[in-house]
Amino acid sequence: VLERMDAIEQALPAADGVATFDRMYREVTRLVRDADLADRFGAGEFIARLDVHFANLFFEAYEADLRGAPLPVAWAPLFEARDRPGTHPIQFALAGMNAHIAHDLAMAVVTTCQELGIEPDDETPEHADFTLTNDILEEAAEQIKDWFSSGIVATVDRLGGKVDDGFAMFAIHTGRAAAWETAEVVWGLEDNPRVHRLFLGGLAHTVALTSRGILL
């Protein structure tokens, strides 16, 4: 996964919106990899497998764009706006995070649980590891924030101080918690293909609408 992210960055101009998201995502992935190697997780290979399936959804969107194929609905706003003048890098990063956490993360949880023969449930070691990842993301927050702290973003950060930092981490924590709940819903709908399809379609379009707002 990390090698593929490096290759994407090398293939794109530094100012490209997709490259901006890729750089941020790569650093977060490194931290999760390091935590896994340090045995911080207790549910075996769940997080490592989840990270692979999770990243593959971003790679699939990237490959679709390269081929000129239809983009996944949730990812379309970022790829369509990637070179839009006047867009701040943090908007690209947030739009990518929105597509990936609010849509893809639930899909990756379901795929990983299917692969490992487990069910997404709150009272499991896998969910405990999933929640622990929030702490790892918080460790990366200050470094990632520094990449974007210029112009109006720096002004907002100076005025907001720890308040806006706390709000940002709250948003990530709640977004990831919602993704786990979405995975539980998707898991429960698999015996009802029509409702399953309608739910996923509605989720993708809602996430895309939010990303378009972020990128305005």
N, C-alpha and C. Protein backbone atom coordinates (compact mmCIF):
# COMPACT_ATOMS: atom_id res chain seq x y z
N VAL A 1 0.83 -1.20 0.00
CA VAL A 1 0.00 0.00 0.00
C VAL A 1 0.87 1.25 0.00
N LEU A 2 1.86 1.29 0.86
CA LEU A 2 2.72 2.48 0.94
C LEU A 2 3.51 2.68 -0.35
N GLU A 3 3.98 1.61 -0.95
CA GLU A 3 4.69 1.74 -2.22
C GLU A 3 3.78 2.29 -3.31
N ARG A 4 2.53 1.86 -3.32
CA ARG A 4 1.58 2.37 -4.31
C ARG A 4 1.30 3.84 -4.08
N MET A 5 1.19 4.26 -2.84
CA MET A 5 0.98 5.67 -2.54
C MET A 5 2.17 6.52 -2.95
N ASP A 6 3.38 6.00 -2.73
CA ASP A 6 4.58 6.71 -3.18
C ASP A 6 4.56 6.88 -4.70
N ALA A 7 4.16 5.83 -5.41
CA ALA A 7 4.13 5.88 -6.87
C ALA A 7 3.11 6.91 -7.36
N ILE A 8 1.97 7.00 -6.70
CA ILE A 8 0.96 7.98 -7.09
C ILE A 8 1.50 9.39 -6.90
N GLU A 9 2.16 9.65 -5.78
CA GLU A 9 2.70 10.99 -5.56
C GLU A 9 3.73 11.34 -6.63
N GLN A 10 4.58 10.40 -6.98
CA GLN A 10 5.61 10.66 -7.98
C GLN A 10 5.02 10.89 -9.36
N ALA A 11 3.85 10.33 -9.62
CA ALA A 11 3.23 10.44 -10.94
C ALA A 11 2.45 11.73 -11.13
N LEU A 12 2.16 12.45 -10.04
CA LEU A 12 1.28 13.61 -10.12
C LEU A 12 2.03 14.90 -9.78
N PRO A 13 1.58 16.04 -10.34
CA PRO A 13 2.12 17.33 -9.92
C PRO A 13 1.86 17.56 -8.43
N ALA A 14 2.77 18.26 -7.76
CA ALA A 14 2.64 18.45 -6.31
C ALA A 14 1.35 19.15 -5.93
N ALA A 15 0.86 20.06 -6.78
CA ALA A 15 -0.33 20.83 -6.46
C ALA A 15 -1.62 20.10 -6.80
N ASP A 16 -1.55 18.95 -7.41
CA ASP A 16 -2.73 18.18 -7.78
C ASP A 16 -3.52 17.80 -6.52
N GLY A 17 -4.82 17.99 -6.55
CA GLY A 17 -5.64 17.72 -5.38
C GLY A 17 -5.62 16.27 -4.94
N VAL A 18 -5.53 15.35 -5.89
CA VAL A 18 -5.45 13.92 -5.55
C VAL A 18 -4.11 13.63 -4.89
N ALA A 19 -3.03 14.26 -5.38
CA ALA A 19 -1.71 14.08 -4.77
C ALA A 19 -1.70 14.61 -3.34
N THR A 20 -2.39 15.71 -3.11
CA THR A 20 -2.47 16.28 -1.76
C THR A 20 -3.10 15.29 -0.79
N PHE A 21 -4.22 14.70 -1.19
CA PHE A 21 -4.86 13.70 -0.34
C PHE A 21 -3.95 12.49 -0.16
N ASP A 22 -3.32 12.04 -1.24
CA ASP A 22 -2.46 10.86 -1.19
C ASP A 22 -1.32 11.06 -0.20
N ARG A 23 -0.71 12.26 -0.16
CA ARG A 23 0.40 12.52 0.76
C ARG A 23 -0.07 12.39 2.21
N MET A 24 -1.22 12.98 2.52
CA MET A 24 -1.74 12.90 3.87
C MET A 24 -2.08 11.46 4.24
N TYR A 25 -2.74 10.78 3.35
CA TYR A 25 -3.17 9.40 3.59
C TYR A 25 -1.96 8.48 3.80
N ARG A 26 -0.92 8.72 3.05
CA ARG A 26 0.28 7.89 3.18
C ARG A 26 0.89 8.02 4.58
N GLU A 27 0.95 9.25 5.11
CA GLU A 27 1.54 9.43 6.43
C GLU A 27 0.70 8.76 7.51
N VAL A 28 -0.61 8.85 7.40
CA VAL A 28 -1.48 8.18 8.36
C VAL A 28 -1.30 6.67 8.26
N THR A 29 -1.20 6.15 7.04
CA THR A 29 -1.01 4.72 6.84
C THR A 29 0.31 4.25 7.46
N ARG A 30 1.35 5.07 7.33
CA ARG A 30 2.64 4.72 7.96
C ARG A 30 2.49 4.59 9.47
N LEU A 31 1.75 5.52 10.07
CA LEU A 31 1.56 5.46 11.52
C LEU A 31 0.81 4.21 11.94
N VAL A 32 -0.21 3.84 11.18
CA VAL A 32 -0.97 2.62 11.50
C VAL A 32 -0.07 1.40 11.33
N ARG A 33 0.74 1.39 10.26
CA ARG A 33 1.68 0.28 10.05
C ARG A 33 2.65 0.15 11.22
N ASP A 34 3.18 1.31 11.66
CA ASP A 34 4.14 1.28 12.76
C ASP A 34 3.48 0.80 14.05
N ALA A 35 2.23 1.21 14.28
CA ALA A 35 1.52 0.75 15.48
C ALA A 35 1.27 -0.75 15.42
N ASP A 36 0.99 -1.25 14.23
CA ASP A 36 0.78 -2.69 14.06
C ASP A 36 2.08 -3.45 14.34
N LEU A 37 3.18 -2.94 13.82
CA LEU A 37 4.47 -3.60 14.06
C LEU A 37 4.87 -3.54 15.53
N ALA A 38 4.38 -2.52 16.24
CA ALA A 38 4.69 -2.38 17.67
C ALA A 38 3.70 -3.15 18.54
N ASP A 39 2.84 -3.96 17.91
CA ASP A 39 1.89 -4.81 18.63
C ASP A 39 0.91 -4.02 19.50
N ARG A 40 0.49 -2.85 18.99
CA ARG A 40 -0.49 -2.06 19.73
C ARG A 40 -1.92 -2.59 19.56
N PHE A 41 -2.13 -3.41 18.56
CA PHE A 41 -3.47 -3.94 18.29
C PHE A 41 -3.59 -5.37 18.84
N GLY A 42 -4.79 -5.71 19.30
CA GLY A 42 -4.95 -7.00 19.94
C GLY A 42 -5.75 -8.03 19.17
N ALA A 43 -6.28 -7.66 18.00
CA ALA A 43 -7.17 -8.58 17.27
C ALA A 43 -6.48 -9.18 16.05
N GLY A 44 -5.26 -9.58 16.22
CA GLY A 44 -4.55 -10.25 15.13
C GLY A 44 -4.36 -9.36 13.92
N GLU A 45 -4.69 -9.89 12.74
CA GLU A 45 -4.40 -9.19 11.50
C GLU A 45 -5.53 -8.28 11.03
N PHE A 46 -6.53 -8.07 11.87
CA PHE A 46 -7.71 -7.33 11.42
C PHE A 46 -7.34 -5.95 10.88
N ILE A 47 -6.59 -5.16 11.63
CA ILE A 47 -6.29 -3.79 11.20
C ILE A 47 -5.42 -3.78 9.96
N ALA A 48 -4.44 -4.68 9.89
CA ALA A 48 -3.58 -4.74 8.71
C ALA A 48 -4.40 -5.07 7.46
N ARG A 49 -5.30 -6.05 7.57
CA ARG A 49 -6.15 -6.40 6.43
C ARG A 49 -7.12 -5.28 6.09
N LEU A 50 -7.67 -4.65 7.13
CA LEU A 50 -8.58 -3.53 6.90
C LEU A 50 -7.89 -2.41 6.15
N ASP A 51 -6.66 -2.09 6.54
CA ASP A 51 -5.92 -1.01 5.87
C ASP A 51 -5.71 -1.31 4.39
N VAL A 52 -5.46 -2.57 4.06
CA VAL A 52 -5.26 -2.94 2.65
C VAL A 52 -6.56 -2.79 1.87
N HIS A 53 -7.64 -3.35 2.39
CA HIS A 53 -8.93 -3.24 1.68
C HIS A 53 -9.37 -1.78 1.59
N PHE A 54 -9.13 -1.02 2.64
CA PHE A 54 -9.48 0.40 2.67
C PHE A 54 -8.72 1.16 1.57
N ALA A 55 -7.42 0.98 1.53
CA ALA A 55 -6.61 1.68 0.53
C ALA A 55 -6.98 1.26 -0.89
N ASN A 56 -7.33 0.01 -1.07
CA ASN A 56 -7.67 -0.47 -2.42
C ASN A 56 -8.84 0.30 -3.02
N LEU A 57 -9.75 0.79 -2.19
CA LEU A 57 -10.89 1.55 -2.70
C LEU A 57 -10.43 2.90 -3.26
N PHE A 58 -9.45 3.52 -2.63
CA PHE A 58 -8.85 4.74 -3.19
C PHE A 58 -8.11 4.41 -4.48
N PHE A 59 -7.35 3.32 -4.47
CA PHE A 59 -6.60 2.94 -5.67
C PHE A 59 -7.54 2.64 -6.84
N GLU A 60 -8.68 2.01 -6.55
CA GLU A 60 -9.65 1.72 -7.61
C GLU A 60 -10.18 3.02 -8.23
N ALA A 61 -10.42 4.03 -7.41
CA ALA A 61 -10.87 5.32 -7.94
C ALA A 61 -9.78 5.95 -8.79
N TYR A 62 -8.55 5.87 -8.31
CA TYR A 62 -7.41 6.43 -9.05
C TYR A 62 -7.24 5.73 -10.40
N GLU A 63 -7.33 4.41 -10.40
CA GLU A 63 -7.17 3.64 -11.65
C GLU A 63 -8.33 3.93 -12.61
N ALA A 64 -9.53 4.08 -12.10
CA ALA A 64 -10.67 4.41 -12.96
C ALA A 64 -10.43 5.75 -13.66
N ASP A 65 -9.91 6.70 -12.92
CA ASP A 65 -9.61 8.01 -13.51
C ASP A 65 -8.55 7.89 -14.59
N LEU A 66 -7.52 7.09 -14.35
CA LEU A 66 -6.46 6.90 -15.35
C LEU A 66 -7.01 6.30 -16.64
N ARG A 67 -7.94 5.37 -16.50
CA ARG A 67 -8.51 4.69 -17.66
C ARG A 67 -9.59 5.51 -18.36
N GLY A 68 -10.02 6.58 -17.73
CA GLY A 68 -11.14 7.33 -18.27
C GLY A 68 -12.47 6.64 -18.03
N ALA A 69 -12.50 5.71 -17.08
CA ALA A 69 -13.71 4.99 -16.74
C ALA A 69 -14.55 5.83 -15.77
N PRO A 70 -15.85 5.50 -15.60
CA PRO A 70 -16.67 6.24 -14.64
C PRO A 70 -16.08 6.15 -13.24
N LEU A 71 -16.05 7.27 -12.56
CA LEU A 71 -15.50 7.32 -11.21
C LEU A 71 -16.53 6.83 -10.20
N PRO A 72 -16.09 6.22 -9.11
CA PRO A 72 -17.02 5.95 -8.01
C PRO A 72 -17.68 7.26 -7.58
N VAL A 73 -18.97 7.22 -7.35
CA VAL A 73 -19.72 8.45 -7.09
C VAL A 73 -19.12 9.26 -5.94
N ALA A 74 -18.75 8.60 -4.85
CA ALA A 74 -18.23 9.31 -3.69
C ALA A 74 -16.92 10.04 -3.97
N TRP A 75 -16.14 9.52 -4.92
CA TRP A 75 -14.83 10.10 -5.23
C TRP A 75 -14.88 11.14 -6.34
N ALA A 76 -15.94 11.18 -7.09
CA ALA A 76 -15.99 12.06 -8.26
C ALA A 76 -15.70 13.53 -7.95
N PRO A 77 -16.24 14.12 -6.86
CA PRO A 77 -15.96 15.54 -6.63
C PRO A 77 -14.48 15.87 -6.50
N LEU A 78 -13.72 15.05 -5.78
CA LEU A 78 -12.29 15.33 -5.63
C LEU A 78 -11.57 15.25 -6.97
N PHE A 79 -11.80 14.20 -7.73
CA PHE A 79 -11.09 14.03 -8.99
C PHE A 79 -11.49 15.09 -10.02
N GLU A 80 -12.74 15.52 -9.97
CA GLU A 80 -13.19 16.55 -10.91
C GLU A 80 -12.64 17.93 -10.57
N ALA A 81 -12.35 18.17 -9.27
CA ALA A 81 -11.89 19.49 -8.84
C ALA A 81 -10.39 19.55 -8.58
N ARG A 82 -9.68 18.51 -8.90
CA ARG A 82 -8.28 18.35 -8.49
C ARG A 82 -7.36 19.47 -8.93
N ASP A 83 -7.67 20.17 -10.05
CA ASP A 83 -6.83 21.27 -10.51
C ASP A 83 -7.60 22.59 -10.58
N ARG A 84 -8.66 22.70 -9.78
CA ARG A 84 -9.48 23.91 -9.79
C ARG A 84 -8.73 25.07 -9.16
N PRO A 85 -8.58 26.20 -9.86
CA PRO A 85 -7.87 27.36 -9.29
C PRO A 85 -8.59 27.88 -8.05
N GLY A 86 -7.79 28.36 -7.10
CA GLY A 86 -8.36 28.97 -5.91
C GLY A 86 -8.79 27.99 -4.84
N THR A 87 -8.57 26.72 -5.04
CA THR A 87 -8.92 25.71 -4.04
C THR A 87 -7.73 25.49 -3.12
N HIS A 88 -7.95 25.61 -1.81
CA HIS A 88 -6.85 25.42 -0.86
C HIS A 88 -6.54 23.94 -0.70
N PRO A 89 -5.27 23.58 -0.53
CA PRO A 89 -4.93 22.16 -0.35
C PRO A 89 -5.73 21.45 0.72
N ILE A 90 -6.07 22.16 1.81
CA ILE A 90 -6.81 21.48 2.87
C ILE A 90 -8.20 21.07 2.40
N GLN A 91 -8.76 21.79 1.42
CA GLN A 91 -10.07 21.39 0.88
C GLN A 91 -9.95 20.06 0.15
N PHE A 92 -8.87 19.89 -0.62
CA PHE A 92 -8.66 18.60 -1.29
C PHE A 92 -8.50 17.48 -0.27
N ALA A 93 -7.71 17.74 0.79
CA ALA A 93 -7.48 16.71 1.80
C ALA A 93 -8.77 16.32 2.50
N LEU A 94 -9.59 17.32 2.84
CA LEU A 94 -10.84 17.05 3.55
C LEU A 94 -11.85 16.34 2.65
N ALA A 95 -11.90 16.73 1.37
CA ALA A 95 -12.81 16.06 0.44
C ALA A 95 -12.43 14.59 0.28
N GLY A 96 -11.12 14.32 0.21
CA GLY A 96 -10.67 12.93 0.13
C GLY A 96 -10.99 12.16 1.40
N MET A 97 -10.77 12.80 2.56
CA MET A 97 -11.10 12.15 3.83
C MET A 97 -12.59 11.84 3.90
N ASN A 98 -13.41 12.78 3.43
CA ASN A 98 -14.85 12.58 3.48
C ASN A 98 -15.24 11.36 2.64
N ALA A 99 -14.75 11.29 1.40
CA ALA A 99 -15.07 10.15 0.54
C ALA A 99 -14.59 8.85 1.16
N HIS A 100 -13.40 8.89 1.73
CA HIS A 100 -12.78 7.66 2.19
C HIS A 100 -13.35 7.18 3.53
N ILE A 101 -13.59 8.11 4.46
CA ILE A 101 -14.10 7.70 5.77
C ILE A 101 -15.62 7.52 5.74
N ALA A 102 -16.33 8.50 5.18
CA ALA A 102 -17.79 8.46 5.23
C ALA A 102 -18.38 7.40 4.30
N HIS A 103 -17.62 7.01 3.27
CA HIS A 103 -18.13 5.98 2.36
C HIS A 103 -17.30 4.70 2.39
N ASP A 104 -16.02 4.82 2.06
CA ASP A 104 -15.20 3.63 1.84
C ASP A 104 -14.92 2.81 3.09
N LEU A 105 -14.80 3.48 4.23
CA LEU A 105 -14.38 2.76 5.43
C LEU A 105 -15.38 1.66 5.81
N ALA A 106 -16.65 1.96 5.71
CA ALA A 106 -17.66 0.93 6.03
C ALA A 106 -17.55 -0.25 5.07
N MET A 107 -17.32 0.05 3.78
CA MET A 107 -17.19 -1.03 2.80
C MET A 107 -15.97 -1.90 3.11
N ALA A 108 -14.89 -1.25 3.54
CA ALA A 108 -13.67 -2.00 3.86
C ALA A 108 -13.86 -2.86 5.11
N VAL A 109 -14.60 -2.35 6.09
CA VAL A 109 -14.89 -3.15 7.30
C VAL A 109 -15.66 -4.40 6.92
N VAL A 110 -16.68 -4.25 6.08
CA VAL A 110 -17.48 -5.40 5.66
C VAL A 110 -16.61 -6.42 4.92
N THR A 111 -15.81 -5.95 3.97
CA THR A 111 -14.95 -6.86 3.20
C THR A 111 -13.98 -7.60 4.11
N THR A 112 -13.39 -6.88 5.07
CA THR A 112 -12.42 -7.50 5.98
C THR A 112 -13.09 -8.53 6.87
N CYS A 113 -14.27 -8.21 7.37
CA CYS A 113 -14.99 -9.17 8.21
C CYS A 113 -15.38 -10.41 7.42
N GLN A 114 -15.80 -10.23 6.18
CA GLN A 114 -16.12 -11.39 5.34
C GLN A 114 -14.88 -12.26 5.14
N GLU A 115 -13.75 -11.61 4.88
CA GLU A 115 -12.52 -12.34 4.63
C GLU A 115 -12.08 -13.15 5.86
N LEU A 116 -12.24 -12.56 7.03
CA LEU A 116 -11.78 -13.21 8.26
C LEU A 116 -12.85 -14.06 8.93
N GLY A 117 -14.06 -14.07 8.37
CA GLY A 117 -15.13 -14.89 8.93
C GLY A 117 -15.65 -14.40 10.25
N ILE A 118 -15.72 -13.08 10.43
CA ILE A 118 -16.24 -12.51 11.67
C ILE A 118 -17.36 -11.54 11.31
N GLU A 119 -18.12 -11.12 12.33
CA GLU A 119 -19.22 -10.18 12.11
C GLU A 119 -18.88 -8.84 12.75
N PRO A 120 -19.16 -7.71 12.06
CA PRO A 120 -18.90 -6.41 12.69
C PRO A 120 -19.83 -6.19 13.87
N ASP A 121 -19.26 -6.13 15.04
CA ASP A 121 -20.05 -6.00 16.27
C ASP A 121 -19.26 -5.14 17.25
N ASP A 122 -19.97 -4.34 18.04
CA ASP A 122 -19.29 -3.44 18.97
C ASP A 122 -18.52 -4.17 20.06
N GLU A 123 -18.98 -5.34 20.44
CA GLU A 123 -18.37 -6.07 21.56
C GLU A 123 -17.35 -7.09 21.05
N THR A 124 -16.43 -6.65 20.23
CA THR A 124 -15.41 -7.55 19.68
C THR A 124 -14.03 -6.92 19.80
N PRO A 125 -12.97 -7.73 19.81
CA PRO A 125 -11.61 -7.18 19.80
C PRO A 125 -11.35 -6.35 18.54
N GLU A 126 -11.99 -6.73 17.43
CA GLU A 126 -11.79 -5.99 16.18
C GLU A 126 -12.31 -4.56 16.30
N HIS A 127 -13.46 -4.40 16.94
CA HIS A 127 -13.98 -3.04 17.13
C HIS A 127 -13.09 -2.24 18.08
N ALA A 128 -12.54 -2.91 19.09
CA ALA A 128 -11.62 -2.22 20.01
C ALA A 128 -10.40 -1.70 19.25
N ASP A 129 -9.86 -2.51 18.34
CA ASP A 129 -8.72 -2.07 17.54
C ASP A 129 -9.12 -0.95 16.59
N PHE A 130 -10.29 -1.06 16.02
CA PHE A 130 -10.81 -0.01 15.13
C PHE A 130 -10.88 1.32 15.88
N THR A 131 -11.34 1.30 17.12
CA THR A 131 -11.45 2.52 17.92
C THR A 131 -10.08 3.02 18.34
N LEU A 132 -9.16 2.11 18.64
CA LEU A 132 -7.80 2.50 19.02
C LEU A 132 -7.12 3.29 17.91
N THR A 133 -7.48 3.02 16.66
CA THR A 133 -6.89 3.74 15.54
C THR A 133 -7.13 5.24 15.66
N ASN A 134 -8.21 5.66 16.33
CA ASN A 134 -8.45 7.09 16.55
C ASN A 134 -7.28 7.75 17.27
N ASP A 135 -6.71 7.04 18.25
CA ASP A 135 -5.57 7.59 18.98
C ASP A 135 -4.38 7.79 18.07
N ILE A 136 -4.19 6.87 17.15
CA ILE A 136 -3.07 6.98 16.22
C ILE A 136 -3.28 8.16 15.27
N LEU A 137 -4.51 8.36 14.82
CA LEU A 137 -4.80 9.51 13.97
C LEU A 137 -4.57 10.81 14.73
N GLU A 138 -4.90 10.82 16.01
CA GLU A 138 -4.69 12.03 16.81
C GLU A 138 -3.20 12.34 16.93
N GLU A 139 -2.38 11.31 17.00
CA GLU A 139 -0.94 11.53 17.06
C GLU A 139 -0.42 12.20 15.79
N ALA A 140 -1.09 11.96 14.67
CA ALA A 140 -0.66 12.53 13.39
C ALA A 140 -1.25 13.90 13.13
N ALA A 141 -2.25 14.29 13.92
CA ALA A 141 -3.02 15.50 13.60
C ALA A 141 -2.15 16.74 13.54
N GLU A 142 -1.25 16.92 14.50
CA GLU A 142 -0.45 18.14 14.54
C GLU A 142 0.47 18.25 13.33
N GLN A 143 1.10 17.14 12.98
CA GLN A 143 2.00 17.14 11.82
C GLN A 143 1.23 17.44 10.54
N ILE A 144 0.09 16.79 10.37
CA ILE A 144 -0.69 16.99 9.15
C ILE A 144 -1.20 18.41 9.08
N LYS A 145 -1.64 18.94 10.22
CA LYS A 145 -2.15 20.31 10.24
C LYS A 145 -1.09 21.30 9.78
N ASP A 146 0.15 21.07 10.17
CA ASP A 146 1.23 21.99 9.81
C ASP A 146 1.40 22.09 8.30
N TRP A 147 1.11 21.02 7.56
CA TRP A 147 1.26 21.06 6.11
C TRP A 147 0.34 22.10 5.48
N PHE A 148 -0.80 22.35 6.12
CA PHE A 148 -1.83 23.20 5.52
C PHE A 148 -1.94 24.58 6.19
N SER A 149 -1.11 24.84 7.21
CA SER A 149 -1.28 26.06 8.00
C SER A 149 -0.64 27.26 7.33
N SER A 150 -1.33 27.79 6.33
CA SER A 150 -0.90 29.02 5.67
C SER A 150 -2.14 29.83 5.32
N GLY A 151 -1.96 31.12 5.14
CA GLY A 151 -3.07 31.97 4.73
C GLY A 151 -4.21 31.93 5.72
N ILE A 152 -5.43 31.78 5.20
CA ILE A 152 -6.62 31.82 6.03
C ILE A 152 -6.63 30.65 7.01
N VAL A 153 -6.06 29.52 6.63
CA VAL A 153 -6.03 28.36 7.53
C VAL A 153 -5.19 28.67 8.76
N ALA A 154 -4.06 29.32 8.57
CA ALA A 154 -3.22 29.70 9.71
C ALA A 154 -3.94 30.69 10.61
N THR A 155 -4.70 31.62 10.02
CA THR A 155 -5.44 32.59 10.81
C THR A 155 -6.50 31.90 11.66
N VAL A 156 -7.25 31.00 11.05
CA VAL A 156 -8.27 30.26 11.78
C VAL A 156 -7.64 29.44 12.91
N ASP A 157 -6.50 28.82 12.63
CA ASP A 157 -5.84 28.00 13.64
C ASP A 157 -5.36 28.86 14.80
N ARG A 158 -4.82 30.03 14.49
CA ARG A 158 -4.32 30.92 15.54
C ARG A 158 -5.47 31.40 16.44
N LEU A 159 -6.61 31.72 15.83
CA LEU A 159 -7.75 32.20 16.59
C LEU A 159 -8.44 31.08 17.35
N GLY A 160 -8.50 29.91 16.72
CA GLY A 160 -9.23 28.80 17.32
C GLY A 160 -8.43 28.02 18.33
N GLY A 161 -7.10 27.96 18.14
CA GLY A 161 -6.25 27.23 19.07
C GLY A 161 -6.71 25.80 19.25
N LYS A 162 -6.77 25.35 20.50
CA LYS A 162 -7.13 23.96 20.80
C LYS A 162 -8.60 23.69 20.53
N VAL A 163 -9.40 24.76 20.41
CA VAL A 163 -10.82 24.55 20.15
C VAL A 163 -11.04 23.90 18.80
N ASP A 164 -10.40 24.47 17.74
CA ASP A 164 -10.61 23.89 16.42
C ASP A 164 -9.89 22.55 16.30
N ASP A 165 -8.79 22.36 17.01
CA ASP A 165 -8.12 21.05 17.01
C ASP A 165 -9.05 19.99 17.60
N GLY A 166 -9.67 20.33 18.72
CA GLY A 166 -10.57 19.38 19.37
C GLY A 166 -11.77 19.08 18.49
N PHE A 167 -12.28 20.09 17.80
CA PHE A 167 -13.42 19.87 16.92
C PHE A 167 -13.04 18.96 15.77
N ALA A 168 -11.83 19.16 15.21
CA ALA A 168 -11.38 18.32 14.09
C ALA A 168 -11.27 16.87 14.51
N MET A 169 -10.69 16.61 15.70
CA MET A 169 -10.56 15.23 16.15
C MET A 169 -11.92 14.64 16.48
N PHE A 170 -12.84 15.48 17.03
CA PHE A 170 -14.20 15.00 17.29
C PHE A 170 -14.86 14.56 15.99
N ALA A 171 -14.65 15.34 14.92
CA ALA A 171 -15.25 15.02 13.64
C ALA A 171 -14.71 13.70 13.10
N ILE A 172 -13.40 13.47 13.24
CA ILE A 172 -12.80 12.22 12.77
C ILE A 172 -13.31 11.05 13.60
N HIS A 173 -13.34 11.21 14.92
CA HIS A 173 -13.81 10.13 15.79
C HIS A 173 -15.26 9.77 15.47
N THR A 174 -16.11 10.78 15.35
CA THR A 174 -17.52 10.49 15.08
C THR A 174 -17.70 9.94 13.67
N GLY A 175 -16.90 10.42 12.72
CA GLY A 175 -16.99 9.90 11.36
C GLY A 175 -16.61 8.44 11.29
N ARG A 176 -15.57 8.06 12.00
CA ARG A 176 -15.15 6.67 11.99
C ARG A 176 -16.15 5.79 12.76
N ALA A 177 -16.71 6.33 13.84
CA ALA A 177 -17.74 5.58 14.57
C ALA A 177 -18.96 5.35 13.68
N ALA A 178 -19.33 6.37 12.93
CA ALA A 178 -20.47 6.24 12.02
C ALA A 178 -20.17 5.21 10.93
N ALA A 179 -18.91 5.15 10.49
CA ALA A 179 -18.53 4.18 9.47
C ALA A 179 -18.71 2.75 9.98
N TRP A 180 -18.35 2.50 11.24
CA TRP A 180 -18.56 1.16 11.80
C TRP A 180 -20.04 0.83 11.86
N GLU A 181 -20.85 1.79 12.28
CA GLU A 181 -22.30 1.57 12.33
C GLU A 181 -22.86 1.31 10.92
N THR A 182 -22.35 2.06 9.94
CA THR A 182 -22.78 1.83 8.56
C THR A 182 -22.41 0.42 8.11
N ALA A 183 -21.24 -0.04 8.51
CA ALA A 183 -20.82 -1.40 8.16
C ALA A 183 -21.80 -2.42 8.76
N GLU A 184 -22.25 -2.19 9.98
CA GLU A 184 -23.22 -3.09 10.59
C GLU A 184 -24.53 -3.11 9.81
N VAL A 185 -24.95 -1.93 9.33
CA VAL A 185 -26.18 -1.86 8.53
C VAL A 185 -26.00 -2.60 7.21
N VAL A 186 -24.88 -2.33 6.51
CA VAL A 186 -24.62 -2.99 5.23
C VAL A 186 -24.58 -4.50 5.41
N TRP A 187 -23.93 -4.95 6.48
CA TRP A 187 -23.86 -6.39 6.77
C TRP A 187 -25.26 -6.97 6.92
N GLY A 188 -26.13 -6.25 7.61
CA GLY A 188 -27.47 -6.75 7.85
C GLY A 188 -28.38 -6.71 6.64
N LEU A 189 -27.99 -5.94 5.61
CA LEU A 189 -28.82 -5.81 4.41
C LEU A 189 -28.44 -6.78 3.30
N GLU A 190 -27.43 -7.59 3.51
CA GLU A 190 -26.92 -8.41 2.41
C GLU A 190 -27.92 -9.46 1.93
N ASP A 191 -28.90 -9.79 2.76
CA ASP A 191 -29.93 -10.74 2.35
C ASP A 191 -31.09 -10.07 1.61
N ASN A 192 -31.00 -8.75 1.47
CA ASN A 192 -32.04 -7.99 0.78
C ASN A 192 -31.37 -7.15 -0.31
N PRO A 193 -31.07 -7.73 -1.46
CA PRO A 193 -30.26 -7.05 -2.48
C PRO A 193 -30.80 -5.69 -2.91
N ARG A 194 -32.12 -5.56 -3.03
CA ARG A 194 -32.67 -4.29 -3.50
C ARG A 194 -32.43 -3.18 -2.48
N VAL A 195 -32.75 -3.44 -1.22
CA VAL A 195 -32.54 -2.43 -0.17
C VAL A 195 -31.04 -2.15 0.00
N HIS A 196 -30.23 -3.20 -0.10
CA HIS A 196 -28.77 -3.06 -0.03
C HIS A 196 -28.28 -2.11 -1.11
N ARG A 197 -28.75 -2.30 -2.33
CA ARG A 197 -28.34 -1.44 -3.45
C ARG A 197 -28.81 0.00 -3.26
N LEU A 198 -30.05 0.17 -2.83
CA LEU A 198 -30.58 1.52 -2.62
C LEU A 198 -29.85 2.25 -1.50
N PHE A 199 -29.54 1.53 -0.44
CA PHE A 199 -28.82 2.14 0.68
C PHE A 199 -27.44 2.61 0.25
N LEU A 200 -26.70 1.75 -0.45
CA LEU A 200 -25.35 2.11 -0.88
C LEU A 200 -25.38 3.26 -1.88
N GLY A 201 -26.37 3.27 -2.77
CA GLY A 201 -26.48 4.36 -3.72
C GLY A 201 -26.76 5.69 -3.03
N GLY A 202 -27.66 5.67 -2.05
CA GLY A 202 -27.96 6.88 -1.30
C GLY A 202 -26.77 7.37 -0.51
N LEU A 203 -26.02 6.45 0.10
CA LEU A 203 -24.84 6.82 0.86
C LEU A 203 -23.81 7.49 -0.04
N ALA A 204 -23.52 6.90 -1.20
CA ALA A 204 -22.52 7.46 -2.11
C ALA A 204 -22.90 8.86 -2.56
N HIS A 205 -24.15 9.09 -2.89
CA HIS A 205 -24.58 10.41 -3.37
C HIS A 205 -24.56 11.44 -2.24
N THR A 206 -24.89 11.02 -1.03
CA THR A 206 -24.84 11.95 0.10
C THR A 206 -23.41 12.37 0.39
N VAL A 207 -22.49 11.41 0.36
CA VAL A 207 -21.08 11.71 0.60
C VAL A 207 -20.55 12.64 -0.50
N ALA A 208 -20.92 12.38 -1.75
CA ALA A 208 -20.47 13.23 -2.85
C ALA A 208 -20.97 14.66 -2.69
N LEU A 209 -22.22 14.82 -2.26
CA LEU A 209 -22.76 16.16 -2.04
C LEU A 209 -21.97 16.91 -0.99
N THR A 210 -21.61 16.23 0.10
CA THR A 210 -20.81 16.84 1.15
C THR A 210 -19.44 17.26 0.62
N SER A 211 -18.81 16.41 -0.18
CA SER A 211 -17.50 16.75 -0.75
C SER A 211 -17.59 17.97 -1.66
N ARG A 212 -18.66 18.06 -2.43
CA ARG A 212 -18.81 19.23 -3.31
C ARG A 212 -18.91 20.51 -2.48
N GLY A 213 -19.58 20.43 -1.34
CA GLY A 213 -19.64 21.58 -0.46
C GLY A 213 -18.27 21.94 0.11
N ILE A 214 -17.48 20.94 0.50
CA ILE A 214 -16.14 21.18 1.02
C ILE A 214 -15.27 21.87 -0.01
N LEU A 215 -15.47 21.53 -1.28
CA LEU A 215 -14.60 22.03 -2.35
C LEU A 215 -15.05 23.37 -2.94
N LEU A 216 -16.18 23.91 -2.47
CA LEU A 216 -16.63 25.20 -2.98
C LEU A 216 -15.66 26.31 -2.58
